[in-house]
PDB file of N, CA and C in Angstrom:
ATOM      1  N   MET A   1      -6.422 -13.117   4.724  1.00  0.00           N
ATOM      2  CA  MET A   1      -6.363 -13.046   3.277  1.00  0.00           C
ATOM      3  C   MET A   1      -6.494 -11.582   2.859  1.00  0.00           C
ATOM      4  N   ILE A   2      -5.754 -11.213   1.843  1.00  0.00           N
ATOM      5  CA  ILE A   2      -5.816  -9.855   1.310  1.00  0.00           C
ATOM      6  C   ILE A   2      -6.119  -9.954  -0.178  1.00  0.00           C
ATOM      7  N   ARG A   3      -7.235  -9.358  -0.566  1.00  0.00           N
ATOM      8  CA  ARG A   3      -7.600  -9.308  -1.983  1.00  0.00           C
ATOM      9  C   ARG A   3      -7.336  -7.901  -2.503  1.00  0.00           C
ATOM     10  N   LEU A   4      -6.974  -7.807  -3.758  1.00  0.00           N
ATOM     11  CA  LEU A   4      -6.667  -6.511  -4.360  1.00  0.00           C
ATOM     12  C   LEU A   4      -7.722  -6.150  -5.394  1.00  0.00           C
ATOM     13  N   TYR A   5      -8.351  -5.021  -5.190  1.00  0.00           N
ATOM     14  CA  TYR A   5      -9.334  -4.487  -6.121  1.00  0.00           C
ATOM     15  C   TYR A   5      -8.598  -4.099  -7.411  1.00  0.00           C
ATOM     16  N   PRO A   6      -9.209  -4.220  -8.580  1.00  0.00           N
ATOM     17  CA  PRO A   6      -8.528  -3.867  -9.829  1.00  0.00           C
ATOM     18  C   PRO A   6      -7.926  -2.452  -9.820  1.00  0.00           C
ATOM     19  N   HIS A   7      -8.598  -1.509  -9.195  1.00  0.00           N
ATOM     20  CA  HIS A   7      -8.058  -0.144  -9.094  1.00  0.00           C
ATOM     21  C   HIS A   7      -6.734  -0.153  -8.329  1.00  0.00           C
ATOM     22  N   ALA A   8      -6.655  -0.921  -7.251  1.00  0.00           N
ATOM     23  CA  ALA A   8      -5.426  -1.006  -6.466  1.00  0.00           C
ATOM     24  C   ALA A   8      -4.293  -1.620  -7.291  1.00  0.00           C
ATOM     25  N   LEU A   9      -4.588  -2.646  -8.061  1.00  0.00           N
ATOM     26  CA  LEU A   9      -3.571  -3.265  -8.917  1.00  0.00           C
ATOM     27  C   LEU A   9      -3.009  -2.257  -9.918  1.00  0.00           C
ATOM     28  N   ALA A  10      -3.887  -1.461 -10.509  1.00  0.00           N
ATOM     29  CA  ALA A  10      -3.441  -0.450 -11.465  1.00  0.00           C
ATOM     30  C   ALA A  10      -2.583   0.612 -10.791  1.00  0.00           C
ATOM     31  N   ARG A  11      -3.004   1.079  -9.599  1.00  0.00           N
ATOM     32  CA  ARG A  11      -2.228   2.100  -8.890  1.00  0.00           C
ATOM     33  C   ARG A  11      -0.874   1.551  -8.434  1.00  0.00           C
ATOM     34  N   MET A  12      -0.834   0.277  -8.037  1.00  0.00           N
ATOM     35  CA  MET A  12       0.428  -0.327  -7.626  1.00  0.00           C
ATOM     36  C   MET A  12       1.443  -0.274  -8.761  1.00  0.00           C
ATOM     37  N   GLN A  13       1.025  -0.690  -9.932  1.00  0.00           N
ATOM     38  CA  GLN A  13       1.919  -0.701 -11.084  1.00  0.00           C
ATOM     39  C   GLN A  13       2.346   0.719 -11.447  1.00  0.00           C
ATOM     40  N   GLU A  14       1.401   1.629 -11.452  1.00  0.00           N
ATOM     41  CA  GLU A  14       1.658   3.020 -11.796  1.00  0.00           C
ATOM     42  C   GLU A  14       2.599   3.710 -10.807  1.00  0.00           C
ATOM     43  N   ARG A  15       2.526   3.311  -9.532  1.00  0.00           N
ATOM     44  CA  ARG A  15       3.245   4.019  -8.469  1.00  0.00           C
ATOM     45  C   ARG A  15       4.458   3.269  -7.921  1.00  0.00           C
ATOM     46  N   GLY A  16       4.711   2.060  -8.403  1.00  0.00           N
ATOM     47  CA  GLY A  16       5.921   1.345  -8.023  1.00  0.00           C
ATOM     48  C   GLY A  16       5.847   0.506  -6.765  1.00  0.00           C
ATOM     49  N   ALA A  17       4.687  -0.030  -6.447  1.00  0.00           N
ATOM     50  CA  ALA A  17       4.538  -0.912  -5.277  1.00  0.00           C
ATOM     51  C   ALA A  17       4.287  -2.337  -5.750  1.00  0.00           C
ATOM     52  N   SER A  18       4.858  -3.291  -5.061  1.00  0.00           N
ATOM     53  CA  SER A  18       4.620  -4.696  -5.379  1.00  0.00           C
ATOM     54  C   SER A  18       3.500  -5.242  -4.495  1.00  0.00           C
ATOM     55  N   ARG A  19       3.012  -6.398  -4.858  1.00  0.00           N
ATOM     56  CA  ARG A  19       2.012  -7.081  -4.032  1.00  0.00           C
ATOM     57  C   ARG A  19       2.590  -7.342  -2.641  1.00  0.00           C
ATOM     58  N   GLU A  20       3.860  -7.730  -2.588  1.00  0.00           N
ATOM     59  CA  GLU A  20       4.517  -8.001  -1.308  1.00  0.00           C
ATOM     60  C   GLU A  20       4.570  -6.739  -0.444  1.00  0.00           C
ATOM     61  N   ASP A  21       4.853  -5.579  -1.063  1.00  0.00           N
ATOM     62  CA  ASP A  21       4.864  -4.311  -0.323  1.00  0.00           C
ATOM     63  C   ASP A  21       3.509  -4.039   0.311  1.00  0.00           C
ATOM     64  N   VAL A  22       2.462  -4.237  -0.457  1.00  0.00           N
ATOM     65  CA  VAL A  22       1.104  -3.953   0.020  1.00  0.00           C
ATOM     66  C   VAL A  22       0.720  -4.928   1.136  1.00  0.00           C
ATOM     67  N   GLU A  23       0.986  -6.198   0.928  1.00  0.00           N
ATOM     68  CA  GLU A  23       0.640  -7.187   1.947  1.00  0.00           C
ATOM     69  C   GLU A  23       1.422  -6.948   3.232  1.00  0.00           C
ATOM     70  N   GLU A  24       2.696  -6.608   3.117  1.00  0.00           N
ATOM     71  CA  GLU A  24       3.520  -6.319   4.298  1.00  0.00           C
ATOM     72  C   GLU A  24       2.993  -5.082   5.032  1.00  0.00           C
ATOM     73  N   SER A  25       2.559  -4.078   4.280  1.00  0.00           N
ATOM     74  CA  SER A  25       2.000  -2.861   4.890  1.00  0.00           C
ATOM     75  C   SER A  25       0.729  -3.171   5.666  1.00  0.00           C
ATOM     76  N   ILE A  26      -0.127  -4.000   5.088  1.00  0.00           N
ATOM     77  CA  ILE A  26      -1.390  -4.343   5.748  1.00  0.00           C
ATOM     78  C   ILE A  26      -1.139  -5.233   6.964  1.00  0.00           C
ATOM     79  N   ARG A  27      -0.247  -6.184   6.844  1.00  0.00           N
ATOM     80  CA  ARG A  27      -0.004  -7.126   7.950  1.00  0.00           C
ATOM     81  C   ARG A  27       0.826  -6.530   9.085  1.00  0.00           C
ATOM     82  N   HIS A  28       1.825  -5.692   8.739  1.00  0.00           N
ATOM     83  CA  HIS A  28       2.785  -5.273   9.762  1.00  0.00           C
ATOM     84  C   HIS A  28       3.011  -3.770   9.844  1.00  0.00           C
ATOM     85  N   GLY A  29       2.291  -3.003   9.059  1.00  0.00           N
ATOM     86  CA  GLY A  29       2.495  -1.561   9.079  1.00  0.00           C
ATOM     87  C   GLY A  29       1.667  -0.856  10.138  1.00  0.00           C
ATOM     88  N   GLU A  30       1.855   0.440  10.204  1.00  0.00           N
ATOM     89  CA  GLU A  30       1.061   1.295  11.093  1.00  0.00           C
ATOM     90  C   GLU A  30      -0.374   1.326  10.569  1.00  0.00           C
ATOM     91  N   THR A  31      -1.334   1.214  11.471  1.00  0.00           N
ATOM     92  CA  THR A  31      -2.752   1.255  11.095  1.00  0.00           C
ATOM     93  C   THR A  31      -3.342   2.588  11.520  1.00  0.00           C
ATOM     94  N   PHE A  32      -4.191   3.157  10.649  1.00  0.00           N
ATOM     95  CA  PHE A  32      -4.850   4.415  10.974  1.00  0.00           C
ATOM     96  C   PHE A  32      -6.229   4.444  10.334  1.00  0.00           C
ATOM     97  N   ALA A  33      -7.103   5.244  10.911  1.00  0.00           N
ATOM     98  CA  ALA A  33      -8.465   5.376  10.377  1.00  0.00           C
ATOM     99  C   ALA A  33      -8.420   6.239   9.121  1.00  0.00           C
ATOM    100  N   ALA A  34      -9.182   5.836   8.117  1.00  0.00           N
ATOM    101  CA  ALA A  34      -9.258   6.580   6.863  1.00  0.00           C
ATOM    102  C   ALA A  34     -10.715   6.960   6.605  1.00  0.00           C
ATOM    103  N   LYS A  35     -10.931   7.752   5.580  1.00  0.00           N
ATOM    104  CA  LYS A  35     -12.280   8.204   5.238  1.00  0.00           C
ATOM    105  C   LYS A  35     -13.185   7.046   4.832  1.00  0.00           C
ATOM    106  N   HIS A  36     -14.471   7.273   4.961  1.00  0.00           N
ATOM    107  CA  HIS A  36     -15.515   6.356   4.498  1.00  0.00           C
ATOM    108  C   HIS A  36     -15.461   4.983   5.164  1.00  0.00           C
ATOM    109  N   GLY A  37     -15.008   4.941   6.424  1.00  0.00           N
ATOM    110  CA  GLY A  37     -14.990   3.685   7.162  1.00  0.00           C
ATOM    111  C   GLY A  37     -13.889   2.723   6.748  1.00  0.00           C
ATOM    112  N   ARG A  38     -12.913   3.206   6.010  1.00  0.00           N
ATOM    113  CA  ARG A  38     -11.813   2.354   5.572  1.00  0.00           C
ATOM    114  C   ARG A  38     -10.680   2.381   6.591  1.00  0.00           C
ATOM    115  N   ASP A  39      -9.818   1.404   6.474  1.00  0.00           N
ATOM    116  CA  ASP A  39      -8.610   1.354   7.289  1.00  0.00           C
ATOM    117  C   ASP A  39      -7.424   1.710   6.403  1.00  0.00           C
ATOM    118  N   GLY A  40      -6.494   2.470   6.965  1.00  0.00           N
ATOM    119  CA  GLY A  40      -5.260   2.790   6.259  1.00  0.00           C
ATOM    120  C   GLY A  40      -4.110   2.042   6.901  1.00  0.00           C
ATOM    121  N   PHE A  41      -3.155   1.667   6.080  1.00  0.00           N
ATOM    122  CA  PHE A  41      -1.971   0.940   6.541  1.00  0.00           C
ATOM    123  C   PHE A  41      -0.756   1.593   5.902  1.00  0.00           C
ATOM    124  N   ARG A  42       0.270   1.832   6.700  1.00  0.00           N
ATOM    125  CA  ARG A  42       1.453   2.551   6.211  1.00  0.00           C
ATOM    126  C   ARG A  42       2.719   1.857   6.695  1.00  0.00           C
ATOM    127  N   LYS A  43       3.660   1.687   5.763  1.00  0.00           N
ATOM    128  CA  LYS A  43       4.944   1.081   6.133  1.00  0.00           C
ATOM    129  C   LYS A  43       6.041   1.669   5.258  1.00  0.00           C
ATOM    130  N   ASN A  44       7.200   1.942   5.887  1.00  0.00           N
ATOM    131  CA  ASN A  44       8.373   2.417   5.167  1.00  0.00           C
ATOM    132  C   ASN A  44       9.247   1.238   4.773  1.00  0.00           C
ATOM    133  N   PHE A  45       9.813   1.318   3.575  1.00  0.00           N
ATOM    134  CA  PHE A  45      10.702   0.285   3.045  1.00  0.00           C
ATOM    135  C   PHE A  45      12.001   0.929   2.580  1.00  0.00           C
ATOM    136  N   THR A  46      13.100   0.204   2.717  1.00  0.00           N
ATOM    137  CA  THR A  46      14.349   0.642   2.112  1.00  0.00           C
ATOM    138  C   THR A  46      14.204   0.450   0.611  1.00  0.00           C
ATOM    139  N   PHE A  47      14.538   1.462  -0.152  1.00  0.00           N
ATOM    140  CA  PHE A  47      14.370   1.403  -1.604  1.00  0.00           C
ATOM    141  C   PHE A  47      15.723   1.411  -2.309  1.00  0.00           C
ATOM    142  N   ASP A  48      16.570   2.367  -2.003  1.00  0.00           N
ATOM    143  CA  ASP A  48      17.890   2.496  -2.619  1.00  0.00           C
ATOM    144  C   ASP A  48      17.849   2.251  -4.126  1.00  0.00           C
ATOM    145  N   GLY A  49      16.998   3.009  -4.793  1.00  0.00           N
ATOM    146  CA  GLY A  49      16.853   2.859  -6.233  1.00  0.00           C
ATOM    147  C   GLY A  49      16.469   4.169  -6.882  1.00  0.00           C
ATOM    148  N   VAL A  50      16.106   4.072  -8.145  1.00  0.00           N
ATOM    149  CA  VAL A  50      15.724   5.238  -8.934  1.00  0.00           C
ATOM    150  C   VAL A  50      14.250   5.120  -9.294  1.00  0.00           C
ATOM    151  N   TRP A  51      13.525   6.197  -9.080  1.00  0.00           N
ATOM    152  CA  TRP A  51      12.118   6.281  -9.463  1.00  0.00           C
ATOM    153  C   TRP A  51      11.945   7.567 -10.255  1.00  0.00           C
ATOM    154  N   GLN A  52      11.433   7.450 -11.450  1.00  0.00           N
ATOM    155  CA  GLN A  52      11.224   8.585 -12.351  1.00  0.00           C
ATOM    156  C   GLN A  52      12.493   9.434 -12.474  1.00  0.00           C
ATOM    157  N   ASN A  53      13.587   8.745 -12.745  1.00  0.00           N
ATOM    158  CA  ASN A  53      14.897   9.356 -12.999  1.00  0.00           C
ATOM    159  C   ASN A  53      15.513  10.074 -11.805  1.00  0.00           C
ATOM    160  N   ARG A  54      15.059   9.779 -10.608  1.00  0.00           N
ATOM    161  CA  ARG A  54      15.628  10.394  -9.406  1.00  0.00           C
ATOM    162  C   ARG A  54      15.938   9.297  -8.393  1.00  0.00           C
ATOM    163  N   PRO A  55      17.087   9.415  -7.722  1.00  0.00           N
ATOM    164  CA  PRO A  55      17.443   8.398  -6.718  1.00  0.00           C
ATOM    165  C   PRO A  55      16.730   8.655  -5.388  1.00  0.00           C
ATOM    166  N   TYR A  56      16.311   7.564  -4.760  1.00  0.00           N
ATOM    167  CA  TYR A  56      15.669   7.634  -3.445  1.00  0.00           C
ATOM    168  C   TYR A  56      16.197   6.505  -2.580  1.00  0.00           C
ATOM    169  N   ARG A  57      16.272   6.754  -1.297  1.00  0.00           N
ATOM    170  CA  ARG A  57      16.726   5.732  -0.355  1.00  0.00           C
ATOM    171  C   ARG A  57      15.563   4.919   0.199  1.00  0.00           C
ATOM    172  N   ASN A  58      14.384   5.536   0.323  1.00  0.00           N
ATOM    173  CA  ASN A  58      13.231   4.884   0.960  1.00  0.00           C
ATOM    174  C   ASN A  58      11.962   5.104   0.167  1.00  0.00           C
ATOM    175  N   LYS A  59      11.002   4.243   0.419  1.00  0.00           N
ATOM    176  CA  LYS A  59       9.652   4.472  -0.094  1.00  0.00           C
ATOM    177  C   LYS A  59       8.661   4.104   1.002  1.00  0.00           C
ATOM    178  N   GLN A  60       7.544   4.804   0.997  1.00  0.00           N
ATOM    179  CA  GLN A  60       6.484   4.554   1.969  1.00  0.00           C
ATOM    180  C   GLN A  60       5.261   4.095   1.194  1.00  0.00           C
ATOM    181  N   VAL A  61       4.724   2.952   1.585  1.00  0.00           N
ATOM    182  CA  VAL A  61       3.540   2.400   0.934  1.00  0.00           C
ATOM    183  C   VAL A  61       2.354   2.573   1.860  1.00  0.00           C
ATOM    184  N   GLU A  62       1.296   3.192   1.339  1.00  0.00           N
ATOM    185  CA  GLU A  62       0.033   3.330   2.067  1.00  0.00           C
ATOM    186  C   GLU A  62      -1.028   2.551   1.304  1.00  0.00           C
ATOM    187  N   ALA A  63      -1.691   1.660   2.004  1.00  0.00           N
ATOM    188  CA  ALA A  63      -2.781   0.875   1.430  1.00  0.00           C
ATOM    189  C   ALA A  63      -4.066   1.251   2.154  1.00  0.00           C
ATOM    190  N   TYR A  64      -5.126   1.452   1.394  1.00  0.00           N
ATOM    191  CA  TYR A  64      -6.440   1.764   1.961  1.00  0.00           C
ATOM    192  C   TYR A  64      -7.367   0.607   1.639  1.00  0.00           C
ATOM    193  N   ALA A  65      -7.939   0.023   2.697  1.00  0.00           N
ATOM    194  CA  ALA A  65      -8.709  -1.198   2.525  1.00  0.00           C
ATOM    195  C   ALA A  65      -9.955  -1.193   3.398  1.00  0.00           C
ATOM    196  N   VAL A  66     -10.869  -2.095   3.065  1.00  0.00           N
ATOM    197  CA  VAL A  66     -12.050  -2.328   3.895  1.00  0.00           C
ATOM    198  C   VAL A  66     -11.956  -3.761   4.423  1.00  0.00           C
ATOM    199  N   GLN A  67     -12.345  -3.929   5.673  1.00  0.00           N
ATOM    200  CA  GLN A  67     -12.347  -5.271   6.255  1.00  0.00           C
ATOM    201  C   GLN A  67     -13.678  -5.926   5.937  1.00  0.00           C
ATOM    202  N   GLU A  68     -13.603  -7.129   5.426  1.00  0.00           N
ATOM    203  CA  GLU A  68     -14.805  -7.861   5.055  1.00  0.00           C
ATOM    204  C   GLU A  68     -15.297  -8.684   6.246  1.00  0.00           C
ATOM    205  N   PRO A  69     -16.546  -9.141   6.193  1.00  0.00           N
ATOM    206  CA  PRO A  69     -17.123  -9.863   7.335  1.00  0.00           C
ATOM    207  C   PRO A  69     -16.305 -11.064   7.806  1.00  0.00           C
ATOM    208  N   ASP A  70     -15.574 -11.709   6.898  1.00  0.00           N
ATOM    209  CA  ASP A  70     -14.782 -12.875   7.292  1.00  0.00           C
ATOM    210  C   ASP A  70     -13.420 -12.498   7.882  1.00  0.00           C
ATOM    211  N   GLY A  71     -13.154 -11.182   8.018  1.00  0.00           N
ATOM    212  CA  GLY A  71     -11.907 -10.727   8.607  1.00  0.00           C
ATOM    213  C   GLY A  71     -10.811 -10.429   7.593  1.00  0.00           C
ATOM    214  N   SER A  72     -11.037 -10.801   6.341  1.00  0.00           N
ATOM    215  CA  SER A  72     -10.041 -10.512   5.314  1.00  0.00           C
ATOM    216  C   SER A  72     -10.153  -9.045   4.886  1.00  0.00           C
ATOM    217  N   TYR A  73      -9.187  -8.583   4.120  1.00  0.00           N
ATOM    218  CA  TYR A  73      -9.199  -7.204   3.649  1.00  0.00           C
ATOM    219  C   TYR A  73      -9.305  -7.155   2.131  1.00  0.00           C
ATOM    220  N   LEU A  74     -10.056  -6.171   1.645  1.00  0.00           N
ATOM    221  CA  LEU A  74     -10.123  -5.850   0.226  1.00  0.00           C
ATOM    222  C   LEU A  74      -9.421  -4.517   0.068  1.00  0.00           C
ATOM    223  N   ASP A  75      -8.249  -4.540  -0.572  1.00  0.00           N
ATOM    224  CA  ASP A  75      -7.458  -3.323  -0.764  1.00  0.00           C
ATOM    225  C   ASP A  75      -8.078  -2.524  -1.903  1.00  0.00           C
ATOM    226  N   ILE A  76      -8.396  -1.262  -1.614  1.00  0.00           N
ATOM    227  CA  ILE A  76      -9.073  -0.395  -2.570  1.00  0.00           C
ATOM    228  C   ILE A  76      -8.086   0.403  -3.416  1.00  0.00           C
ATOM    229  N   THR A  77      -7.084   0.992  -2.776  1.00  0.00           N
ATOM    230  CA  THR A  77      -6.094   1.781  -3.512  1.00  0.00           C
ATOM    231  C   THR A  77      -4.771   1.788  -2.766  1.00  0.00           C
ATOM    232  N   VAL A  78      -3.737   2.236  -3.461  1.00  0.00           N
ATOM    233  CA  VAL A  78      -2.382   2.258  -2.918  1.00  0.00           C
ATOM    234  C   VAL A  78      -1.714   3.570  -3.294  1.00  0.00           C
ATOM    235  N   LEU A  79      -1.029   4.176  -2.314  1.00  0.00           N
ATOM    236  CA  LEU A  79      -0.216   5.362  -2.552  1.00  0.00           C
ATOM    237  C   LEU A  79       1.225   5.022  -2.219  1.00  0.00           C
ATOM    238  N   VAL A  80       2.163   5.612  -2.961  1.00  0.00           N
ATOM    239  CA  VAL A  80       3.579   5.391  -2.682  1.00  0.00           C
ATOM    240  C   VAL A  80       4.272   6.740  -2.662  1.00  0.00           C
ATOM    241  N   LYS A  81       5.076   6.953  -1.617  1.00  0.00           N
ATOM    242  CA  LYS A  81       5.847   8.199  -1.486  1.00  0.00           C
ATOM    243  C   LYS A  81       7.322   7.808  -1.439  1.00  0.00           C
ATOM    244  N   TYR A  82       8.137   8.517  -2.190  1.00  0.00           N
ATOM    245  CA  TYR A  82       9.575   8.257  -2.218  1.00  0.00           C
ATOM    246  C   TYR A  82      10.295   9.384  -1.500  1.00  0.00           C
ATOM    247  N   PHE A  83      11.305   9.011  -0.731  1.00  0.00           N
ATOM    248  CA  PHE A  83      12.087  10.032  -0.021  1.00  0.00           C
ATOM    249  C   PHE A  83      13.486   9.506   0.268  1.00  0.00           C
TER     250      PHE A  83
END
């Protein structure tokens, strides 16, 4: 199970990531250690769209989460990079 912290929901909307993007990144993306004992998850997606009036072919979604005792994740924040 993946829960989204309110801050993560706000950043997703602000930065152009969907819930599906975040869940896919956590489930199937590259995993890396992040600050403060958090886990980072990164996945590239085909975008082929326009973001802030500029065309991009791809986007990279990074989710930073903490694993809870039951094994689920609480997503704290989300970053999106377009290229």
